[in-house]
Amino acid sequence: MIDSGFGKGKKGKKIIQHYKRVYLVAKRATPHLKGVSDQQSHSILLLLASSIHMASLSFIVGIIGNIISILVFTSPIGTFRRVVKKKSTESFKGLPYICTLLSTSLWSFYGLLKPGGLLIVTVNGTGAVLQFIYVTLFLIYAPKDTKVKLMKLVALLNVGCLGLVIAVTLLAIHGSLRLTVVGFLCAGLTLGMYASPLVAMRMVIRTKSVDYMPFSLSFFLFLNGGVWSVYAVLVKDLFIGVPNAIGFVLGSAQLILYAVYRRKSASQKSTEAKEEEGSAHLVRGNVEMSEYEDSSEFKTKNRSLNKGMSLPKSSVARQHSFTKILKTLSLSPYKLHHSSLADDDEDDVEKGTTHSHH
């Protein structure tokens, strides 16, 4: 049954009137349409208008899906800037890019086989080009042993497997069965690639931290799966709908996990920060205490040295007085009286200088 509510409203009535004029022209020009009743012609008009409306809506949704998917495909650009800058792949893995290259290549082939599959070709063709660049850069900067292993995988999956699928599909399979076979392969490969979100979710639950599950990737997985699921419903394509619906569910689950464990990981980080701060204060206190002890010990040594230096020593004055005694014993009374006067004058001078110093 055609939804008769489509022709309601000003916009709907204008669309019906437009296609009614087109239909009347076609009815006059085509002899076999002259026997069609007005009721049947109205149903045909509604079907035609509804089909065009659905086609335009699916095209808009497909464009949105293209934009979101291309954003997902461009997300590793930052990683490969780092790889090129450091001229090393470090601890990054090349297998995800090789598998994504195979997936986007197969989906591009599926879009070419499917009537009206232009939007499937554009998004997956762009993804295939980007993944090819990523794989090439990875092979250039990977260590020698890793490079050999990855080149074997590229030859097996991206050349051998893809070439075999295309050759068998075009040479041994005919008709609509081609689309079915390639559709099953694409859907199965896409479902297999959703193992990585499951691994990330398990890691989050086990560690109770969202550090291993970036929010942006989870959010775009959620959006990408949702938009392409809507597109699949509009174009009635199960091969696009099933894997993307599963991706939408997994993306939703990741966002829920992120909301649950984000606060826990934040509180855990704050606790760790407090512990680190406390340990830092403890270390700083120990250092200050050791410095204080060292300074106290140094001061004690200085005091002992000062005490040693302040012990009574044979001064120059005492030596001078001893010399005076010897001279006194050897002098005559007249010289003794004269020298005593001179010594008194010297003593007075010394006392004056001493007082002046004080």
Protein backbone atom coordinates (compact mmCIF):
# COMPACT_ATOMS: atom_id res chain seq x y z
CA MET A 1 0.00 0.00 0.00
CA ILE A 2 1.19 3.52 -0.82
CA ASP A 3 1.04 6.01 2.00
CA SER A 4 -1.66 8.44 0.91
CA GLY A 5 -0.45 10.89 3.55
CA PHE A 6 2.50 11.70 1.30
CA GLY A 7 0.26 13.96 -0.84
CA LYS A 8 -0.99 15.99 2.12
CA GLY A 9 0.19 19.51 2.83
CA LYS A 10 1.10 22.29 0.42
CA LYS A 11 4.46 20.81 -0.56
CA GLY A 12 3.04 17.31 -1.08
CA LYS A 13 0.16 18.62 -3.21
CA LYS A 14 2.57 20.60 -5.39
CA ILE A 15 4.66 17.48 -5.97
CA ILE A 16 1.55 15.45 -6.88
CA GLN A 17 0.33 18.13 -9.28
CA HIS A 18 3.72 18.30 -10.95
CA TYR A 19 3.93 14.55 -11.52
CA LYS A 20 0.28 14.45 -12.56
CA ARG A 21 1.06 16.81 -15.42
CA VAL A 22 4.06 14.66 -16.35
CA TYR A 23 1.87 11.55 -16.23
CA LEU A 24 -0.85 13.10 -18.43
CA VAL A 25 1.74 14.01 -21.06
CA ALA A 26 3.14 10.49 -20.93
CA LYS A 27 -0.40 9.01 -21.13
CA ARG A 28 -1.19 10.96 -24.30
CA ALA A 29 2.12 10.00 -25.86
CA THR A 30 1.98 6.30 -24.88
CA PRO A 31 -0.99 4.25 -26.22
CA HIS A 32 -0.90 1.45 -23.61
CA LEU A 33 -1.39 3.96 -20.73
CA LYS A 34 -4.73 5.24 -22.11
CA GLY A 35 -6.70 2.36 -20.59
CA VAL A 36 -5.44 3.10 -17.03
CA SER A 37 -8.12 4.48 -14.69
CA ASP A 38 -7.73 7.67 -12.66
CA GLN A 39 -7.45 5.72 -9.40
CA GLN A 40 -4.63 3.63 -10.82
CA SER A 41 -2.93 6.69 -12.23
CA HIS A 42 -3.12 8.34 -8.80
CA SER A 43 -1.45 5.29 -7.20
CA ILE A 44 1.25 5.34 -9.89
CA LEU A 45 1.85 9.02 -9.21
CA LEU A 46 2.14 8.42 -5.46
CA LEU A 47 4.55 5.55 -6.06
CA LEU A 48 6.66 7.65 -8.39
CA ALA A 49 6.74 10.64 -6.02
CA SER A 50 7.46 8.41 -3.01
CA SER A 51 10.33 6.70 -4.85
CA ILE A 52 11.89 10.03 -5.83
CA HIS A 53 11.47 11.34 -2.28
CA MET A 54 13.14 8.22 -0.80
CA ALA A 55 15.93 8.41 -3.40
CA SER A 56 16.67 12.04 -2.54
CA LEU A 57 16.58 11.27 1.22
CA SER A 58 18.92 8.28 0.83
CA PHE A 59 21.27 10.44 -1.24
CA ILE A 60 21.41 13.08 1.51
CA VAL A 61 22.01 10.42 4.18
CA GLY A 62 24.67 8.84 1.97
CA ILE A 63 26.47 12.18 1.62
CA ILE A 64 26.48 12.57 5.42
CA GLY A 65 27.78 9.01 5.73
CA ASN A 66 30.55 9.81 3.24
CA ILE A 67 31.67 12.81 5.28
CA ILE A 68 31.72 10.90 8.58
CA SER A 69 33.48 7.86 7.10
CA ILE A 70 36.15 10.01 5.46
CA LEU A 71 36.76 11.71 8.83
CA VAL A 72 37.26 8.24 10.33
CA PHE A 73 39.64 7.30 7.50
CA THR A 74 41.71 10.47 8.01
CA SER A 75 42.11 9.94 11.78
CA PRO A 76 45.51 8.11 11.45
CA ILE A 77 47.09 11.11 9.66
CA GLY A 78 48.53 12.38 12.96
CA THR A 79 50.07 8.96 13.63
CA PHE A 80 51.80 8.87 10.25
CA ARG A 81 53.07 12.43 10.62
CA ARG A 82 54.85 11.18 13.71
CA VAL A 83 56.13 8.12 11.84
CA VAL A 84 57.53 10.25 8.98
CA LYS A 85 59.02 12.81 11.38
CA LYS A 86 60.79 10.17 13.50
CA LYS A 87 61.41 7.87 10.49
CA SER A 88 60.27 4.94 12.60
CA THR A 89 57.00 3.03 13.11
CA GLU A 90 57.89 2.63 16.83
CA SER A 91 55.32 0.32 18.49
CA PHE A 92 52.49 0.89 15.97
CA LYS A 93 50.96 -2.12 14.22
CA GLY A 94 50.53 -2.32 10.44
CA LEU A 95 47.94 -5.11 10.30
CA PRO A 96 44.85 -2.88 10.90
CA TYR A 97 45.75 -0.71 7.89
CA ILE A 98 46.27 -3.75 5.66
CA CYS A 99 42.89 -5.21 6.68
CA THR A 100 41.15 -1.85 6.20
CA LEU A 101 42.70 -1.56 2.73
CA LEU A 102 41.24 -4.96 1.81
CA SER A 103 37.83 -4.01 3.26
CA THR A 104 37.58 -0.66 1.45
CA SER A 105 38.75 -2.25 -1.81
CA LEU A 106 36.07 -4.96 -1.61
CA TRP A 107 33.36 -2.43 -0.73
CA SER A 108 34.40 -0.30 -3.70
CA PHE A 109 34.01 -3.36 -5.95
CA TYR A 110 30.60 -4.03 -4.37
CA GLY A 111 29.53 -0.43 -5.08
CA LEU A 112 30.55 -0.82 -8.72
CA LEU A 113 28.44 -3.98 -9.05
CA LYS A 114 25.42 -2.49 -7.27
CA PRO A 115 23.03 -0.30 -9.32
CA GLY A 116 22.99 3.20 -7.80
CA GLY A 117 26.02 2.40 -5.65
CA LEU A 118 27.86 5.66 -6.42
CA LEU A 119 28.03 6.79 -2.78
CA ILE A 120 29.43 3.41 -1.74
CA VAL A 121 32.16 3.75 -4.37
CA THR A 122 33.09 7.33 -3.43
CA VAL A 123 33.50 6.73 0.30
CA ASN A 124 35.28 3.37 0.04
CA GLY A 125 37.39 4.48 -2.92
CA THR A 126 38.63 7.45 -0.87
CA GLY A 127 39.25 5.12 2.07
CA ALA A 128 41.18 2.68 -0.13
CA VAL A 129 43.46 5.45 -1.43
CA LEU A 130 44.18 6.69 2.12
CA GLN A 131 44.82 3.18 3.43
CA PHE A 132 47.17 2.50 0.51
CA ILE A 133 49.17 5.61 1.49
CA TYR A 134 49.26 4.50 5.14
CA VAL A 135 50.43 0.98 4.23
CA THR A 136 53.11 2.35 1.90
CA LEU A 137 54.47 4.70 4.58
CA PHE A 138 54.41 1.91 7.13
CA LEU A 139 56.42 -0.36 4.81
CA ILE A 140 58.96 2.42 4.17
CA TYR A 141 59.68 3.16 7.84
CA ALA A 142 59.14 -0.28 9.41
CA PRO A 143 62.12 -2.34 10.68
CA LYS A 144 63.52 -4.88 8.23
CA ASP A 145 61.98 -7.99 9.85
CA THR A 146 58.56 -6.33 10.23
CA LYS A 147 58.75 -4.98 6.68
CA VAL A 148 59.24 -8.47 5.22
CA LYS A 149 56.28 -9.89 7.18
CA LEU A 150 53.99 -7.02 6.19
CA MET A 151 54.97 -7.24 2.52
CA LYS A 152 53.96 -10.93 2.58
CA LEU A 153 50.60 -9.98 4.14
CA VAL A 154 50.02 -7.25 1.53
CA ALA A 155 50.82 -9.70 -1.25
CA LEU A 156 48.49 -12.32 0.24
CA LEU A 157 45.50 -10.15 1.20
CA ASN A 158 45.53 -6.99 -0.88
CA VAL A 159 46.84 -8.53 -4.09
CA GLY A 160 46.11 -12.27 -4.00
CA CYS A 161 42.80 -12.36 -2.10
CA LEU A 162 41.34 -9.24 -3.71
CA GLY A 163 42.43 -10.30 -7.19
CA LEU A 164 40.98 -13.79 -6.68
CA VAL A 165 37.60 -12.40 -5.54
CA ILE A 166 37.37 -10.03 -8.51
CA ALA A 167 38.43 -12.70 -11.00
CA VAL A 168 36.04 -15.37 -9.68
CA THR A 169 33.15 -12.90 -9.44
CA LEU A 170 33.54 -11.62 -12.99
CA LEU A 171 34.42 -14.93 -14.68
CA ALA A 172 32.60 -17.69 -12.77
CA ILE A 173 29.53 -15.96 -11.26
CA HIS A 174 26.77 -14.31 -13.26
CA GLY A 175 23.72 -12.13 -12.68
CA SER A 176 22.52 -10.96 -9.28
CA LEU A 177 24.52 -13.73 -7.59
CA ARG A 178 27.65 -11.61 -8.06
CA LEU A 179 26.31 -8.90 -5.78
CA THR A 180 25.22 -11.49 -3.19
CA VAL A 181 28.64 -13.21 -3.02
CA VAL A 182 30.62 -9.98 -2.80
CA GLY A 183 28.09 -8.56 -0.30
CA PHE A 184 28.55 -11.54 2.03
CA LEU A 185 32.35 -11.21 1.82
CA CYS A 186 32.20 -7.47 2.59
CA ALA A 187 29.79 -7.91 5.49
CA GLY A 188 31.84 -10.77 6.97
CA LEU A 189 35.10 -8.80 6.72
CA THR A 190 33.49 -5.74 8.32
CA LEU A 191 32.11 -7.84 11.17
CA GLY A 192 35.57 -9.31 11.71
CA MET A 193 37.05 -5.82 11.95
CA TYR A 194 34.70 -5.02 14.83
CA ALA A 195 36.86 -7.29 17.00
CA SER A 196 39.11 -4.31 17.84
CA PRO A 197 36.30 -2.32 19.57
CA LEU A 198 35.46 -5.45 21.56
CA VAL A 199 39.09 -5.74 22.68
CA ALA A 200 39.10 -2.05 23.68
CA MET A 201 35.87 -2.50 25.66
CA ARG A 202 37.27 -5.50 27.50
CA MET A 203 40.40 -3.50 28.36
CA VAL A 204 38.29 -0.66 29.75
CA ILE A 205 36.24 -3.02 31.93
CA ARG A 206 39.35 -4.80 33.18
CA THR A 207 41.43 -1.70 33.95
CA LYS A 208 38.45 0.54 34.83
CA SER A 209 40.10 3.26 32.77
CA VAL A 210 39.17 4.86 29.42
CA ASP A 211 42.79 5.59 28.47
CA TYR A 212 42.79 2.67 26.02
CA MET A 213 39.57 3.80 24.27
CA PRO A 214 39.73 7.30 22.72
CA PHE A 215 36.43 9.16 22.89
CA SER A 216 36.64 10.58 19.35
CA LEU A 217 37.06 7.13 17.77
CA SER A 218 34.13 5.71 19.75
CA PHE A 219 31.96 8.70 18.88
CA PHE A 220 32.69 8.46 15.16
CA LEU A 221 32.11 4.70 15.21
CA PHE A 222 28.70 5.41 16.75
CA LEU A 223 27.87 8.10 14.16
CA ASN A 224 29.22 6.11 11.21
CA GLY A 225 27.27 2.98 12.14
CA GLY A 226 24.07 4.93 12.75
CA VAL A 227 24.13 6.92 9.50
CA TRP A 228 24.96 3.94 7.29
CA SER A 229 22.31 1.85 9.04
CA VAL A 230 19.72 4.49 8.11
CA TYR A 231 21.07 4.52 4.55
CA ALA A 232 20.79 0.73 4.38
CA VAL A 233 17.15 0.89 5.48
CA LEU A 234 16.37 3.53 2.84
CA VAL A 235 18.02 1.59 0.00
CA LYS A 236 17.01 -1.80 1.46
CA ASP A 237 20.51 -3.29 1.54
CA LEU A 238 21.14 -5.92 4.24
CA PHE A 239 24.84 -6.24 3.45
CA ILE A 240 25.36 -2.59 4.40
CA GLY A 241 22.77 -2.60 7.19
CA VAL A 242 23.82 -5.62 9.29
CA PRO A 243 27.52 -4.77 9.93
CA ASN A 244 26.81 -1.07 10.39
CA ALA A 245 23.95 -1.78 12.81
CA ILE A 246 26.35 -3.91 14.84
CA GLY A 247 28.89 -1.07 14.65
CA PHE A 248 26.23 1.34 15.88
CA VAL A 249 25.43 -0.93 18.86
CA LEU A 250 29.14 -1.32 19.70
CA GLY A 251 29.67 2.43 19.38
CA SER A 252 26.75 3.06 21.73
CA ALA A 253 28.17 0.55 24.22
CA GLN A 254 31.57 2.25 24.05
CA LEU A 255 30.03 5.64 24.77
CA ILE A 256 28.16 4.17 27.76
CA LEU A 257 31.39 2.62 29.06
CA TYR A 258 33.15 5.93 28.56
CA ALA A 259 30.48 7.73 30.61
CA VAL A 260 30.67 5.10 33.38
CA TYR A 261 34.45 4.77 33.70
CA ARG A 262 35.49 8.33 32.86
CA ARG A 263 34.73 9.57 36.38
CA LYS A 264 36.35 6.52 37.95
CA SER A 265 39.52 6.97 35.91
CA ALA A 266 39.51 10.71 36.73
CA SER A 267 39.17 10.00 40.46
CA GLN A 268 41.83 7.32 40.19
CA LYS A 269 44.16 9.81 38.49
CA SER A 270 43.50 12.39 41.20
CA THR A 271 44.26 9.77 43.88
CA GLU A 272 47.47 8.83 42.10
CA ALA A 273 48.37 12.50 41.78
CA LYS A 274 47.81 12.97 45.52
CA GLU A 275 49.94 9.93 46.28
CA GLU A 276 52.68 11.21 44.01
CA GLU A 277 52.46 14.64 45.64
CA GLY A 278 52.63 13.05 49.10
CA SER A 279 55.64 10.96 48.14
CA ALA A 280 57.26 14.06 46.65
CA HIS A 281 56.69 15.95 49.93
CA LEU A 282 58.13 12.99 51.85
CA VAL A 283 61.23 12.87 49.66
CA ARG A 284 61.61 16.65 49.90
CA GLY A 285 61.28 16.40 53.72
CA ASN A 286 63.93 13.68 53.89
CA VAL A 287 66.26 15.76 51.73
CA GLU A 288 65.71 18.84 53.87
CA MET A 289 66.25 16.81 57.07
CA SER A 290 69.49 15.36 55.72
CA GLU A 291 70.61 18.84 54.68
CA TYR A 292 69.75 20.11 58.18
CA GLU A 293 71.68 17.26 59.77
CA ASP A 294 74.66 17.91 57.51
CA SER A 295 74.57 21.64 58.32
CA SER A 296 74.29 20.87 62.09
CA GLU A 297 77.23 18.53 61.87
CA PHE A 298 79.18 21.17 59.96
CA LYS A 299 78.35 23.79 62.58
CA THR A 300 79.43 21.42 65.37
CA LYS A 301 82.76 20.84 63.62
CA ASN A 302 83.20 24.59 63.16
CA ARG A 303 82.51 25.18 66.85
CA SER A 304 85.06 22.57 67.86
CA LEU A 305 87.57 24.15 65.53
CA ASN A 306 86.82 27.60 66.95
CA LYS A 307 87.26 26.24 70.45
CA GLY A 308 90.56 24.77 69.42
CA MET A 309 91.60 28.07 67.95
CA SER A 310 90.55 29.96 71.08
CA LEU A 311 92.78 27.91 73.42
CA PRO A 312 95.52 29.98 75.20
CA LYS A 313 98.65 30.27 73.13
CA SER A 314 102.08 31.74 73.79
CA SER A 315 101.47 35.26 72.61
CA VAL A 316 104.06 37.82 71.52
CA ALA A 317 103.41 39.91 74.66
CA ARG A 318 104.27 37.00 76.96
CA GLN A 319 107.45 36.34 75.05
CA HIS A 320 108.29 40.06 75.32
CA SER A 321 107.75 40.04 79.12
CA PHE A 322 110.04 37.03 79.54
CA THR A 323 112.73 38.88 77.59
CA LYS A 324 112.27 41.89 79.85
CA ILE A 325 112.86 39.74 82.96
CA LEU A 326 116.15 38.48 81.59
CA LYS A 327 117.24 42.01 80.71
CA THR A 328 116.37 43.24 84.22
CA LEU A 329 118.61 40.68 85.81
CA SER A 330 121.59 41.82 83.71
CA LEU A 331 121.22 45.64 84.09
CA SER A 332 122.82 48.05 86.55
CA PRO A 333 120.68 50.12 88.96
CA TYR A 334 120.93 53.26 86.82
CA LYS A 335 120.10 51.42 83.57
CA LEU A 336 117.42 49.49 85.37
CA HIS A 337 115.73 52.72 86.47
CA HIS A 338 116.04 54.20 82.96
CA SER A 339 114.68 51.10 81.21
CA SER A 340 111.75 50.85 83.65
CA LEU A 341 110.72 54.34 82.73
CA ALA A 342 110.93 53.48 79.02
CA ASP A 343 108.95 50.29 79.58
CA ASP A 344 106.25 52.21 81.41
CA ASP A 345 105.98 54.56 78.47
CA GLU A 346 105.67 51.57 76.10
CA ASP A 347 103.03 50.00 78.32
CA ASP A 348 101.10 53.24 78.31
CA VAL A 349 101.30 53.37 74.52
CA GLU A 350 100.14 49.73 74.22
CA LYS A 351 97.22 50.35 76.60
CA GLY A 352 96.22 53.40 74.63
CA THR A 353 96.18 51.48 71.38
CA THR A 354 94.24 48.68 73.04
CA HIS A 355 91.62 51.08 74.35
CA SER A 356 91.38 52.70 70.97
CA HIS A 357 90.72 49.30 69.37
CA HIS A 358 87.96 48.60 71.85
